[in-house]
Amino acid sequence: ALRAFDAQLAQVAAFGDEAAPPADRDAWLAAMSAASDALDAGDLVTAMGSLVRAAAEDPADRQSRELASELAPHLQSAQAAA
């Protein structure tokens, strides 16, 4: 979902001089906090959803994308083991 979102942002940017949508830092912080809480609870699915939401709240931020990339293999392993 995050890769698709980033691809759409890039496509829109290629069509004009539109900048990325403005960041909602409060919503980004809330989503990052929710991701942290979910990770503390061992809920990888909720953590990934919160990281994707954080990335959408601040499209220019790399931290949420990097964390989602780090989490993805663990999420896939957990789902395969279930």
C-alpha atoms as a PDB file:
ATOM      1  CA  ALA A   1       0.000   0.000   0.000  1.00  0.00           C
ATOM      2  CA  LEU A   2       2.812   2.374   0.857  1.00  0.00           C
ATOM      3  CA  ARG A   3       4.660   1.718  -2.396  1.00  0.00           C
ATOM      4  CA  ALA A   4       1.461   2.305  -4.360  1.00  0.00           C
ATOM      5  CA  PHE A   5       0.869   5.550  -2.482  1.00  0.00           C
ATOM      6  CA  ASP A   6       4.408   6.758  -3.197  1.00  0.00           C
ATOM      7  CA  ALA A   7       4.058   5.808  -6.869  1.00  0.00           C
ATOM      8  CA  GLN A   8       0.847   7.821  -7.124  1.00  0.00           C
ATOM      9  CA  LEU A   9       2.500  10.831  -5.473  1.00  0.00           C
ATOM     10  CA  ALA A  10       5.360  10.623  -7.967  1.00  0.00           C
ATOM     11  CA  GLN A  11       2.948  10.371 -10.890  1.00  0.00           C
ATOM     12  CA  VAL A  12       0.960  13.398  -9.746  1.00  0.00           C
ATOM     13  CA  ALA A  13       4.172  15.378  -9.226  1.00  0.00           C
ATOM     14  CA  ALA A  14       5.321  14.481 -12.749  1.00  0.00           C
ATOM     15  CA  PHE A  15       2.187  16.059 -14.250  1.00  0.00           C
ATOM     16  CA  GLY A  16       2.750  19.495 -12.836  1.00  0.00           C
ATOM     17  CA  ASP A  17       4.425  21.753 -10.418  1.00  0.00           C
ATOM     18  CA  GLU A  18       2.370  20.468  -7.544  1.00  0.00           C
ATOM     19  CA  ALA A  19       4.337  19.937  -4.388  1.00  0.00           C
ATOM     20  CA  ALA A  20       3.608  17.104  -2.015  1.00  0.00           C
ATOM     21  CA  PRO A  21       0.603  17.737   0.178  1.00  0.00           C
ATOM     22  CA  PRO A  22       1.459  19.604   3.355  1.00  0.00           C
ATOM     23  CA  ALA A  23       2.405  17.453   6.284  1.00  0.00           C
ATOM     24  CA  ASP A  24       0.086  17.051   9.222  1.00  0.00           C
ATOM     25  CA  ARG A  25       2.752  16.658  11.884  1.00  0.00           C
ATOM     26  CA  ASP A  26       0.262  16.103  14.714  1.00  0.00           C
ATOM     27  CA  ALA A  27      -1.405  13.252  12.803  1.00  0.00           C
ATOM     28  CA  TRP A  28       2.040  11.895  11.845  1.00  0.00           C
ATOM     29  CA  LEU A  29       3.148  11.905  15.473  1.00  0.00           C
ATOM     30  CA  ALA A  30      -0.088  10.212  16.584  1.00  0.00           C
ATOM     31  CA  ALA A  31       0.356   7.492  13.944  1.00  0.00           C
ATOM     32  CA  MET A  32       4.016   6.951  14.885  1.00  0.00           C
ATOM     33  CA  SER A  33       3.018   6.735  18.551  1.00  0.00           C
ATOM     34  CA  ALA A  34       0.322   4.186  17.693  1.00  0.00           C
ATOM     35  CA  ALA A  35       2.900   2.172  15.736  1.00  0.00           C
ATOM     36  CA  SER A  36       5.236   2.205  18.721  1.00  0.00           C
ATOM     37  CA  ASP A  37       2.460   1.109  21.077  1.00  0.00           C
ATOM     38  CA  ALA A  38       1.482  -1.706  18.699  1.00  0.00           C
ATOM     39  CA  LEU A  39       5.078  -2.887  18.441  1.00  0.00           C
ATOM     40  CA  ASP A  40       5.371  -2.860  22.232  1.00  0.00           C
ATOM     41  CA  ALA A  41       2.269  -5.062  22.343  1.00  0.00           C
ATOM     42  CA  GLY A  42       3.655  -7.374  19.636  1.00  0.00           C
ATOM     43  CA  ASP A  43       0.899  -6.435  17.165  1.00  0.00           C
ATOM     44  CA  LEU A  44       2.802  -6.229  13.884  1.00  0.00           C
ATOM     45  CA  VAL A  45      -0.294  -5.805  11.704  1.00  0.00           C
ATOM     46  CA  THR A  46      -1.502  -2.745  13.607  1.00  0.00           C
ATOM     47  CA  ALA A  47       2.040  -1.352  13.707  1.00  0.00           C
ATOM     48  CA  MET A  48       2.348  -1.626   9.931  1.00  0.00           C
ATOM     49  CA  GLY A  49      -1.026   0.040   9.425  1.00  0.00           C
ATOM     50  CA  SER A  50       0.023   2.903  11.681  1.00  0.00           C
ATOM     51  CA  LEU A  51       3.326   3.312   9.820  1.00  0.00           C
ATOM     52  CA  VAL A  52       1.495   3.480   6.493  1.00  0.00           C
ATOM     53  CA  ARG A  53      -0.870   6.084   7.971  1.00  0.00           C
ATOM     54  CA  ALA A  54       2.126   8.077   9.255  1.00  0.00           C
ATOM     55  CA  ALA A  55       3.697   7.998   5.795  1.00  0.00           C
ATOM     56  CA  ALA A  56       0.479   9.340   4.303  1.00  0.00           C
ATOM     57  CA  GLU A  57       0.295  12.128   6.883  1.00  0.00           C
ATOM     58  CA  ASP A  58       3.777  13.374   5.948  1.00  0.00           C
ATOM     59  CA  PRO A  59       4.724  12.225   2.442  1.00  0.00           C
ATOM     60  CA  ALA A  60       8.180  13.802   2.655  1.00  0.00           C
ATOM     61  CA  ASP A  61       9.145  11.961   5.847  1.00  0.00           C
ATOM     62  CA  ARG A  62      11.454   8.979   5.393  1.00  0.00           C
ATOM     63  CA  GLN A  63      11.360   7.612   8.950  1.00  0.00           C
ATOM     64  CA  SER A  64       7.954   5.939   8.704  1.00  0.00           C
ATOM     65  CA  ARG A  65       8.874   4.401   5.329  1.00  0.00           C
ATOM     66  CA  GLU A  66      12.187   3.064   6.646  1.00  0.00           C
ATOM     67  CA  LEU A  67      10.484   1.541   9.684  1.00  0.00           C
ATOM     68  CA  ALA A  68       7.792  -0.030   7.481  1.00  0.00           C
ATOM     69  CA  SER A  69      10.510  -1.538   5.279  1.00  0.00           C
ATOM     70  CA  GLU A  70      12.249  -2.967   8.343  1.00  0.00           C
ATOM     71  CA  LEU A  71       8.991  -4.359   9.711  1.00  0.00           C
ATOM     72  CA  ALA A  72       7.756  -5.950   6.461  1.00  0.00           C
ATOM     73  CA  PRO A  73       9.933  -9.112   6.582  1.00  0.00           C
ATOM     74  CA  HIS A  74       8.955  -9.728  10.220  1.00  0.00           C
ATOM     75  CA  LEU A  75       5.282  -9.281   9.383  1.00  0.00           C
ATOM     76  CA  GLN A  76       5.549 -11.710   6.472  1.00  0.00           C
ATOM     77  CA  SER A  77       7.332 -14.268   8.672  1.00  0.00           C
ATOM     78  CA  ALA A  78       4.686 -13.953  11.373  1.00  0.00           C
ATOM     79  CA  GLN A  79       1.887 -14.384   8.845  1.00  0.00           C
ATOM     80  CA  ALA A  80       3.591 -17.446   7.315  1.00  0.00           C
ATOM     81  CA  ALA A  81       3.976 -19.025  10.758  1.00  0.00           C
ATOM     82  CA  ALA A  82       0.303 -18.466  11.605  1.00  0.00           C
END
